[in-house]
Amino acid sequence: MRVKKRSNLPKAGVAVAVANHAAMGIALGLVFALILTKIPFFGVGALIDLSDHPQATLAMFVGTVMVMFGIGAALTGSILMEDV
C-alpha cells in the first residue's frame, strides 16, 4: 500500500481567501483615504492643495493608502487562516 504524500502547493481556496482579504483591505484603505482628504480637521486636503500638482498628489496619496491597507489585510488574512 502506497503512502499518500501531502502536497506543498497551496490549495485554490487559500488564494481566493487571500485575494478576498486584499480586496477588503483595498476598500477600507479607499474609505480611510477619502475620510482623511475630505474632512478639513485633519488638514491633509489642504496640504494636497498646496502642492504643485494637486490631482497627481491626491491620486498618489489615495493609491498608496489603498495598497498599504490591501497588502496588510492580505498578509494578516494569510497568517490567521488556518485550514481552508
Protein backbone atom coordinates (compact mmCIF):
# COMPACT_ATOMS: atom_id res chain seq x y z
CA MET A 1 0.00 0.00 0.00
CA ARG A 2 1.37 3.38 -1.03
CA VAL A 3 1.54 6.22 1.45
CA LYS A 4 -0.09 9.44 0.31
CA LYS A 5 2.23 12.42 0.42
CA ARG A 6 0.93 15.87 1.23
CA SER A 7 1.45 18.44 -1.45
CA ASN A 8 3.36 21.61 -0.57
CA LEU A 9 1.33 23.57 -3.12
CA PRO A 10 -1.33 25.86 -1.67
CA LYS A 11 -4.93 24.99 -2.40
CA ALA A 12 -7.02 27.17 -4.70
CA GLY A 13 -9.24 28.14 -1.77
CA VAL A 14 -6.29 29.74 0.00
CA ALA A 15 -5.50 32.00 -2.94
CA VAL A 16 -9.14 33.08 -3.24
CA ALA A 17 -9.34 33.79 0.50
CA VAL A 18 -6.14 35.88 0.42
CA ALA A 19 -7.48 37.78 -2.61
CA ASN A 20 -10.72 38.44 -0.72
CA HIS A 21 -8.78 39.81 2.23
CA ALA A 22 -6.75 42.03 -0.09
CA ALA A 23 -9.91 43.36 -1.75
CA MET A 24 -11.46 44.16 1.63
CA GLY A 25 -8.27 45.93 2.69
CA ILE A 26 -8.21 47.99 -0.51
CA ALA A 27 -11.83 49.03 0.05
CA LEU A 28 -11.09 50.03 3.65
CA GLY A 29 -7.99 51.93 2.50
CA LEU A 30 -10.06 53.85 -0.03
CA VAL A 31 -12.60 54.83 2.63
CA PHE A 32 -9.83 55.84 5.05
CA ALA A 33 -8.05 57.96 2.42
CA LEU A 34 -11.28 59.67 1.39
CA ILE A 35 -12.10 60.45 5.03
CA LEU A 36 -8.62 61.91 5.54
CA THR A 37 -8.79 64.09 2.45
CA LYS A 38 -12.41 65.30 2.74
CA ILE A 39 -12.59 66.22 6.47
CA PRO A 40 -10.83 69.57 6.97
CA PHE A 41 -9.98 68.81 10.63
CA PHE A 42 -7.09 66.54 9.58
CA GLY A 43 -5.56 69.07 7.17
CA VAL A 44 -4.50 66.50 4.58
CA GLY A 45 -6.65 68.07 1.87
CA ALA A 46 -5.12 71.50 2.50
CA LEU A 47 -1.61 70.06 2.21
CA ILE A 48 -2.50 68.35 -1.04
CA ASP A 49 -3.95 71.59 -2.42
CA LEU A 50 -0.66 73.39 -1.69
CA SER A 51 1.35 71.01 -3.89
CA ASP A 52 2.40 71.77 -7.47
CA HIS A 53 0.10 69.13 -8.98
CA PRO A 54 -2.84 68.56 -6.58
CA GLN A 55 -4.60 65.94 -8.72
CA ALA A 56 -1.47 63.80 -9.08
CA THR A 57 -0.67 64.19 -5.38
CA LEU A 58 -4.19 63.16 -4.40
CA ALA A 59 -4.06 60.13 -6.70
CA MET A 60 -0.66 59.12 -5.31
CA PHE A 61 -1.84 59.52 -1.70
CA VAL A 62 -5.05 57.55 -2.21
CA GLY A 63 -3.25 54.83 -4.19
CA THR A 64 -0.53 54.47 -1.58
CA VAL A 65 -3.02 54.19 1.28
CA MET A 66 -5.08 51.64 -0.66
CA VAL A 67 -2.04 49.49 -1.46
CA MET A 68 -0.79 49.62 2.15
CA PHE A 69 -4.17 48.55 3.52
CA GLY A 70 -4.54 45.85 0.85
CA ILE A 71 -1.12 44.31 1.50
CA GLY A 72 -1.63 44.48 5.25
CA ALA A 73 -5.02 42.79 5.06
CA ALA A 74 -3.71 40.09 2.69
CA LEU A 75 -0.75 39.30 4.94
CA THR A 76 -2.93 39.27 8.05
CA GLY A 77 -5.50 37.06 6.36
CA SER A 78 -2.87 34.60 5.16
CA ILE A 79 -1.32 34.37 8.62
CA LEU A 80 -4.59 33.99 10.51
CA MET A 81 -6.05 31.50 8.04
CA GLU A 82 -5.97 28.00 9.50
CA ASP A 83 -7.16 25.27 7.12
CA VAL A 84 -9.06 26.30 4.03
